[in-house]
Amino acid sequence: MAEPLIPYITLPEIPLGFLVDVPLLGRLFDPAHPPSIKPFGTLVALGVYIGSVITMNRAKERGLDAKKMNEFIFYVVGIGFIGGHVLDAIFYHPQRVARDPLYLLQLWDGLSSYGGFIGAIMGLFIYKYVKRERVMKYAEVVIATFPIAWVFGRAGCAVVHDHPGRLSDAWFAVRYPMGDGWVGRYDLGLIECVLTIPLAIAFVILWRRPRPVGFFTGLICIAYAPVRFVLDFLREEERGGMLGGDPRYGGLTPAQWACFGLLAIGVYFMRMASKGRFDEEPAKKLGKSKKSKKKKAATEPAAEEAPPAAEGQES
């Protein structure tokens, strides 16, 4: 009979208790709960940093303005984090919000992936409105790199086990500690982390040549929505007794309802990409670069030709 093979792995927090003794700074912390570096936040921050670096390099490859790309990342990531927490609080912890509305401002305590996606979309439109800038050329670069950063984010979920699934004896279930023993459960954070790795590799390969506008946006939506919809049937229910169990609305989790909208967005952008429309600005820059190379190649041989012979001289 099969049984779970994956151990319940956790990473220790790095204590920063010495900050409590620092003059002035120590007043900001509770001595009973000193600050520490947590594995989830560290992995998420690492994913954001690596993703930002790769995105900036790719923007240069496509001839995009580096300053505007940097500003776009700030809007999308910053508002994405806000949306990730606020929507997580509203849809996954409504009772806590009702008891303590200030929980909505505790951005470090709980994140929802779909809340982050919606927040990022809001950041995109806010950037477009404030800067009066065309955004899809920047959004495509960010989305093409997103799966790489997402691997780190889901790795953070896996090490803190904040997405417990239903009881299972499957070999890929995790041995959750229970009393003096353990019980097998699906770990949705771990499963999604593993599934994101081939997606990230595929996006790296697809990036090697220019794609029509909307290609990466459509592809990631169509790839993620059905997978997430199916995986959420394996999640622990709120009444299941596990911390992190998800509530249901009409039999579906909030993320499953959001999957319908994400899939529709994916279809829309893939239809846009199927028309083969490339972004004009990078295309113009690439076109000018190619023309200048051709012009240079055409003029160089002419410069090397011998001067015309003088009158009376054999040519």
Protein backbone atom coordinates (compact mmCIF):
# COMPACT_ATOMS: atom_id res chain seq x y z
CA MET A 1 0.00 0.00 0.00
CA ALA A 2 1.36 3.43 -0.96
CA GLU A 3 2.13 5.97 1.70
CA PRO A 4 3.39 9.59 1.76
CA LEU A 5 7.12 9.87 1.11
CA ILE A 6 7.74 13.62 1.42
CA PRO A 7 8.90 14.80 4.86
CA TYR A 8 7.51 17.91 6.54
CA ILE A 9 10.44 20.27 5.96
CA THR A 10 10.67 23.70 7.57
CA LEU A 11 13.36 26.37 7.54
CA PRO A 12 14.31 28.06 10.82
CA GLU A 13 13.79 31.76 11.37
CA ILE A 14 16.90 33.89 11.88
CA PRO A 15 16.45 35.77 15.17
CA LEU A 16 17.10 39.51 15.33
CA GLY A 17 16.52 39.90 19.05
CA PHE A 18 19.50 42.23 19.41
CA LEU A 19 17.43 44.96 17.74
CA VAL A 20 15.33 45.21 20.90
CA ASP A 21 18.39 46.54 22.75
CA VAL A 22 19.21 49.19 20.14
CA PRO A 23 18.42 52.71 21.47
CA LEU A 24 15.29 54.29 19.96
CA LEU A 25 14.93 51.42 17.47
CA GLY A 26 14.14 48.96 20.25
CA ARG A 27 10.94 50.83 21.11
CA LEU A 28 9.42 49.66 17.84
CA PHE A 29 9.51 46.01 18.86
CA ASP A 30 7.79 43.88 21.48
CA PRO A 31 10.47 42.24 23.71
CA ALA A 32 8.16 39.22 24.11
CA HIS A 33 8.09 38.77 20.32
CA PRO A 34 11.48 39.95 18.98
CA PRO A 35 11.87 40.42 15.22
CA SER A 36 13.31 37.72 12.98
CA ILE A 37 14.01 36.98 9.33
CA LYS A 38 11.30 34.58 8.20
CA PRO A 39 11.86 32.03 5.40
CA PHE A 40 8.64 32.89 3.54
CA GLY A 41 9.39 36.61 3.32
CA THR A 42 13.02 35.92 2.41
CA LEU A 43 12.12 33.63 -0.50
CA VAL A 44 9.44 36.02 -1.77
CA ALA A 45 11.85 38.97 -1.60
CA LEU A 46 14.50 36.91 -3.39
CA GLY A 47 12.03 36.05 -6.14
CA VAL A 48 11.05 39.70 -6.57
CA TYR A 49 14.71 40.77 -6.75
CA ILE A 50 15.77 38.09 -9.24
CA GLY A 51 12.67 38.69 -11.33
CA SER A 52 13.31 42.45 -11.39
CA VAL A 53 16.92 42.01 -12.51
CA ILE A 54 15.97 39.62 -15.31
CA THR A 55 13.09 41.88 -16.36
CA MET A 56 15.36 44.92 -16.63
CA ASN A 57 17.87 42.97 -18.74
CA ARG A 58 15.12 41.72 -21.03
CA ALA A 59 13.70 45.22 -21.39
CA LYS A 60 17.08 46.38 -22.68
CA GLU A 61 17.10 43.49 -25.16
CA ARG A 62 13.78 44.69 -26.55
CA GLY A 63 14.88 48.32 -26.71
CA LEU A 64 12.53 49.57 -23.96
CA ASP A 65 13.23 52.59 -21.79
CA ALA A 66 14.97 51.37 -18.60
CA LYS A 67 13.60 54.15 -16.39
CA LYS A 68 10.00 53.55 -17.48
CA MET A 69 10.45 49.81 -17.03
CA ASN A 70 11.70 50.36 -13.49
CA GLU A 71 8.74 52.61 -12.68
CA PHE A 72 6.33 50.08 -14.14
CA ILE A 73 7.77 47.30 -11.94
CA PHE A 74 7.40 49.53 -8.88
CA TYR A 75 3.71 50.20 -9.58
CA VAL A 76 2.83 46.62 -10.46
CA VAL A 77 4.76 44.86 -7.69
CA GLY A 78 3.97 47.41 -4.98
CA ILE A 79 0.22 47.55 -5.60
CA GLY A 80 0.26 43.81 -6.25
CA PHE A 81 1.47 43.16 -2.69
CA ILE A 82 -1.20 45.46 -1.29
CA GLY A 83 -3.92 43.71 -3.28
CA GLY A 84 -2.50 40.32 -2.31
CA HIS A 85 -3.02 41.00 1.38
CA VAL A 86 -6.23 43.06 1.29
CA LEU A 87 -8.13 40.58 -0.89
CA ASP A 88 -6.74 37.66 1.10
CA ALA A 89 -8.10 39.27 4.26
CA ILE A 90 -11.52 40.03 2.76
CA PHE A 91 -12.22 36.70 1.06
CA TYR A 92 -10.26 34.22 3.20
CA HIS A 93 -10.51 35.82 6.67
CA PRO A 94 -13.72 37.90 6.70
CA GLN A 95 -14.40 37.11 10.38
CA ARG A 96 -11.02 38.47 11.38
CA VAL A 97 -11.58 41.65 9.36
CA ALA A 98 -14.97 42.08 11.05
CA ARG A 99 -13.32 41.79 14.49
CA ASP A 100 -10.28 43.91 13.63
CA PRO A 101 -10.57 46.12 10.52
CA LEU A 102 -6.96 47.25 11.01
CA TYR A 103 -5.94 43.76 9.89
CA LEU A 104 -6.39 45.08 6.36
CA LEU A 105 -3.31 47.26 6.93
CA GLN A 106 -1.09 44.44 8.21
CA LEU A 107 0.43 43.78 4.79
CA TRP A 108 2.99 41.31 6.13
CA ASP A 109 0.34 38.93 7.51
CA GLY A 110 -1.09 36.79 4.73
CA LEU A 111 -1.04 36.96 0.93
CA SER A 112 -3.34 35.64 -1.77
CA SER A 113 -1.92 34.85 -5.20
CA TYR A 114 -5.06 35.94 -7.03
CA GLY A 115 -5.27 39.01 -4.83
CA GLY A 116 -1.73 39.80 -5.95
CA PHE A 117 -2.71 39.32 -9.60
CA ILE A 118 -5.66 41.67 -9.26
CA GLY A 119 -3.52 44.21 -7.41
CA ALA A 120 -0.89 44.00 -10.15
CA ILE A 121 -3.54 44.66 -12.81
CA MET A 122 -4.71 47.68 -10.82
CA GLY A 123 -1.09 48.86 -10.66
CA LEU A 124 -0.87 48.50 -14.43
CA PHE A 125 -3.91 50.73 -14.99
CA ILE A 126 -2.76 53.26 -12.39
CA TYR A 127 0.63 53.48 -14.11
CA LYS A 128 -1.10 53.91 -17.48
CA TYR A 129 -3.30 56.69 -16.10
CA VAL A 130 -0.55 58.53 -14.20
CA LYS A 131 2.18 58.24 -16.84
CA ARG A 132 -0.03 58.33 -19.96
CA GLU A 133 2.05 55.46 -21.29
CA ARG A 134 1.33 52.41 -23.40
CA VAL A 135 1.71 49.54 -20.95
CA MET A 136 1.48 46.24 -22.82
CA LYS A 137 5.05 46.41 -24.08
CA TYR A 138 6.21 46.60 -20.44
CA ALA A 139 3.63 44.13 -19.13
CA GLU A 140 4.72 41.44 -21.57
CA VAL A 141 8.32 41.62 -20.34
CA VAL A 142 7.22 41.37 -16.71
CA ILE A 143 4.84 38.47 -17.37
CA ALA A 144 7.42 36.58 -19.44
CA THR A 145 9.71 36.66 -16.38
CA PHE A 146 7.02 36.12 -13.74
CA PRO A 147 7.19 32.28 -13.61
CA ILE A 148 10.84 32.47 -12.54
CA ALA A 149 9.95 34.70 -9.59
CA TRP A 150 6.85 32.61 -8.89
CA VAL A 151 8.99 29.51 -8.25
CA PHE A 152 10.60 31.31 -5.29
CA GLY A 153 7.24 32.55 -4.03
CA ARG A 154 5.70 29.09 -4.05
CA ALA A 155 8.87 27.67 -2.49
CA GLY A 156 8.16 30.05 0.39
CA CYS A 157 4.63 28.61 0.66
CA ALA A 158 6.07 25.09 0.62
CA VAL A 159 8.49 25.65 3.53
CA VAL A 160 5.83 27.24 5.76
CA HIS A 161 3.09 24.82 4.64
CA ASP A 162 0.42 27.54 4.54
CA HIS A 163 -1.73 25.74 1.93
CA PRO A 164 -2.63 22.43 3.56
CA GLY A 165 -4.64 20.00 1.48
CA ARG A 166 -6.91 17.11 2.19
CA LEU A 167 -5.79 13.90 3.88
CA SER A 168 -4.05 11.57 1.45
CA ASP A 169 -1.94 8.39 1.27
CA ALA A 170 -0.48 9.36 -2.12
CA TRP A 171 3.29 9.06 -2.38
CA PHE A 172 3.62 12.80 -3.14
CA ALA A 173 1.66 13.80 -0.03
CA VAL A 174 3.54 15.42 2.86
CA ARG A 175 3.88 13.89 6.31
CA TYR A 176 2.28 16.60 8.42
CA PRO A 177 3.14 16.19 12.12
CA MET A 178 0.23 15.12 14.30
CA GLY A 179 0.69 14.28 17.97
CA ASP A 180 3.56 11.81 18.26
CA GLY A 181 3.24 10.76 14.64
CA TRP A 182 2.22 12.18 11.30
CA VAL A 183 -0.65 12.23 8.84
CA GLY A 184 -0.45 12.43 5.05
CA ARG A 185 -1.81 15.59 3.42
CA TYR A 186 -1.52 17.25 0.05
CA ASP A 187 0.67 20.35 0.25
CA LEU A 188 -0.69 22.69 -2.42
CA GLY A 189 2.17 25.17 -2.08
CA LEU A 190 4.71 22.42 -2.80
CA ILE A 191 2.71 20.95 -5.69
CA GLU A 192 2.31 24.35 -7.35
CA CYS A 193 6.01 25.13 -6.85
CA VAL A 194 6.99 21.91 -8.64
CA LEU A 195 4.51 22.54 -11.48
CA THR A 196 5.78 26.11 -11.95
CA ILE A 197 9.35 24.96 -12.70
CA PRO A 198 8.58 23.53 -16.20
CA LEU A 199 6.44 26.60 -16.91
CA ALA A 200 9.38 28.87 -16.07
CA ILE A 201 11.69 26.80 -18.30
CA ALA A 202 9.18 26.98 -21.16
CA PHE A 203 8.95 30.77 -20.85
CA VAL A 204 12.74 31.07 -20.91
CA ILE A 205 12.83 29.12 -24.18
CA LEU A 206 9.94 31.08 -25.70
CA TRP A 207 11.61 34.39 -24.87
CA ARG A 208 14.48 33.69 -27.25
CA ARG A 209 12.63 35.33 -30.14
CA PRO A 210 10.14 38.24 -30.19
CA ARG A 211 6.49 37.33 -29.77
CA PRO A 212 3.32 39.23 -30.68
CA VAL A 213 1.82 41.53 -28.08
CA GLY A 214 -0.37 39.56 -25.67
CA PHE A 215 1.35 36.21 -26.24
CA PHE A 216 2.92 35.81 -22.79
CA THR A 217 -0.06 37.37 -21.01
CA GLY A 218 -2.49 35.03 -22.72
CA LEU A 219 -0.31 31.96 -22.33
CA ILE A 220 0.27 32.32 -18.59
CA CYS A 221 -3.44 32.90 -17.93
CA ILE A 222 -4.51 29.88 -19.98
CA ALA A 223 -1.80 27.71 -18.42
CA TYR A 224 -2.44 28.69 -14.80
CA ALA A 225 -6.25 28.98 -14.53
CA PRO A 226 -7.25 25.34 -15.21
CA VAL A 227 -4.39 23.92 -13.13
CA ARG A 228 -5.26 26.11 -10.15
CA PHE A 229 -8.96 25.30 -10.54
CA VAL A 230 -8.29 21.56 -10.29
CA LEU A 231 -5.72 21.84 -7.49
CA ASP A 232 -8.08 23.77 -5.25
CA PHE A 233 -10.35 20.73 -5.04
CA LEU A 234 -7.51 19.16 -3.06
CA ARG A 235 -7.40 22.00 -0.51
CA GLU A 236 -8.44 21.58 3.10
CA GLU A 237 -11.82 23.07 3.82
CA GLU A 238 -12.25 25.73 6.47
CA ARG A 239 -14.07 23.34 8.76
CA GLY A 240 -11.35 20.75 8.33
CA GLY A 241 -9.52 21.89 11.45
CA MET A 242 -6.21 22.78 9.79
CA LEU A 243 -4.80 26.30 10.01
CA GLY A 244 -4.99 27.72 6.52
CA GLY A 245 -8.09 25.81 5.43
CA ASP A 246 -9.91 27.72 2.71
CA PRO A 247 -13.57 28.87 2.83
CA ARG A 248 -16.00 27.94 0.05
CA TYR A 249 -18.50 30.13 -1.76
CA GLY A 250 -21.04 28.11 -3.68
CA GLY A 251 -18.83 25.06 -3.29
CA LEU A 252 -15.75 26.75 -4.79
CA THR A 253 -12.81 28.59 -3.27
CA PRO A 254 -12.33 32.30 -4.05
CA ALA A 255 -9.41 31.33 -6.29
CA GLN A 256 -11.57 28.91 -8.27
CA TRP A 257 -14.12 31.63 -8.98
CA ALA A 258 -11.27 33.90 -10.09
CA CYS A 259 -10.05 31.18 -12.48
CA PHE A 260 -13.02 31.82 -14.79
CA GLY A 261 -12.04 35.46 -15.18
CA LEU A 262 -8.37 34.64 -15.63
CA LEU A 263 -9.13 32.11 -18.34
CA ALA A 264 -11.30 34.65 -20.19
CA ILE A 265 -8.45 37.18 -20.02
CA GLY A 266 -6.07 34.55 -21.39
CA VAL A 267 -8.32 33.78 -24.34
CA TYR A 268 -8.66 37.50 -25.11
CA PHE A 269 -4.91 38.11 -25.20
CA MET A 270 -4.16 34.94 -27.17
CA ARG A 271 -6.64 36.13 -29.80
CA MET A 272 -4.75 39.41 -29.87
CA ALA A 273 -1.46 37.57 -30.25
CA SER A 274 -2.85 35.34 -33.01
CA LYS A 275 -3.24 38.43 -35.18
CA GLY A 276 0.54 38.75 -35.15
CA ARG A 277 0.65 42.39 -34.02
CA PHE A 278 4.03 43.35 -32.58
CA ASP A 279 4.62 46.39 -30.40
CA GLU A 280 5.50 49.30 -32.68
CA GLU A 281 8.17 51.08 -30.66
CA PRO A 282 10.56 48.14 -30.11
CA ALA A 283 9.87 46.99 -33.67
CA LYS A 284 10.88 50.40 -35.02
CA LYS A 285 14.09 50.37 -33.00
CA LEU A 286 14.93 46.87 -34.15
CA GLY A 287 14.08 47.88 -37.72
CA LYS A 288 16.33 50.93 -37.56
CA SER A 289 19.13 48.80 -36.19
CA LYS A 290 18.79 46.32 -39.04
CA LYS A 291 18.62 49.11 -41.65
CA SER A 292 21.74 50.78 -40.26
CA LYS A 293 23.61 47.47 -40.43
CA LYS A 294 22.50 46.92 -44.04
CA LYS A 295 23.47 50.48 -44.97
CA LYS A 296 26.86 50.06 -43.36
CA ALA A 297 27.40 46.75 -45.15
CA ALA A 298 26.43 48.38 -48.46
CA THR A 299 28.78 51.36 -48.09
CA GLU A 300 31.85 49.51 -46.83
CA PRO A 301 32.58 47.61 -50.09
CA ALA A 302 32.19 50.83 -52.11
CA ALA A 303 34.77 52.53 -49.91
CA GLU A 304 37.24 49.76 -50.59
CA GLU A 305 36.95 50.01 -54.41
CA ALA A 306 39.93 51.41 -56.30
CA PRO A 307 39.63 55.04 -57.47
CA PRO A 308 38.69 55.52 -61.12
CA ALA A 309 41.62 55.49 -63.55
CA ALA A 310 42.93 58.81 -64.91
CA GLU A 311 42.42 59.76 -68.57
CA GLY A 312 44.63 57.78 -70.89
CA GLN A 313 45.29 55.12 -68.25
CA GLU A 314 44.05 51.61 -68.84
CA SER A 315 41.25 50.67 -66.56
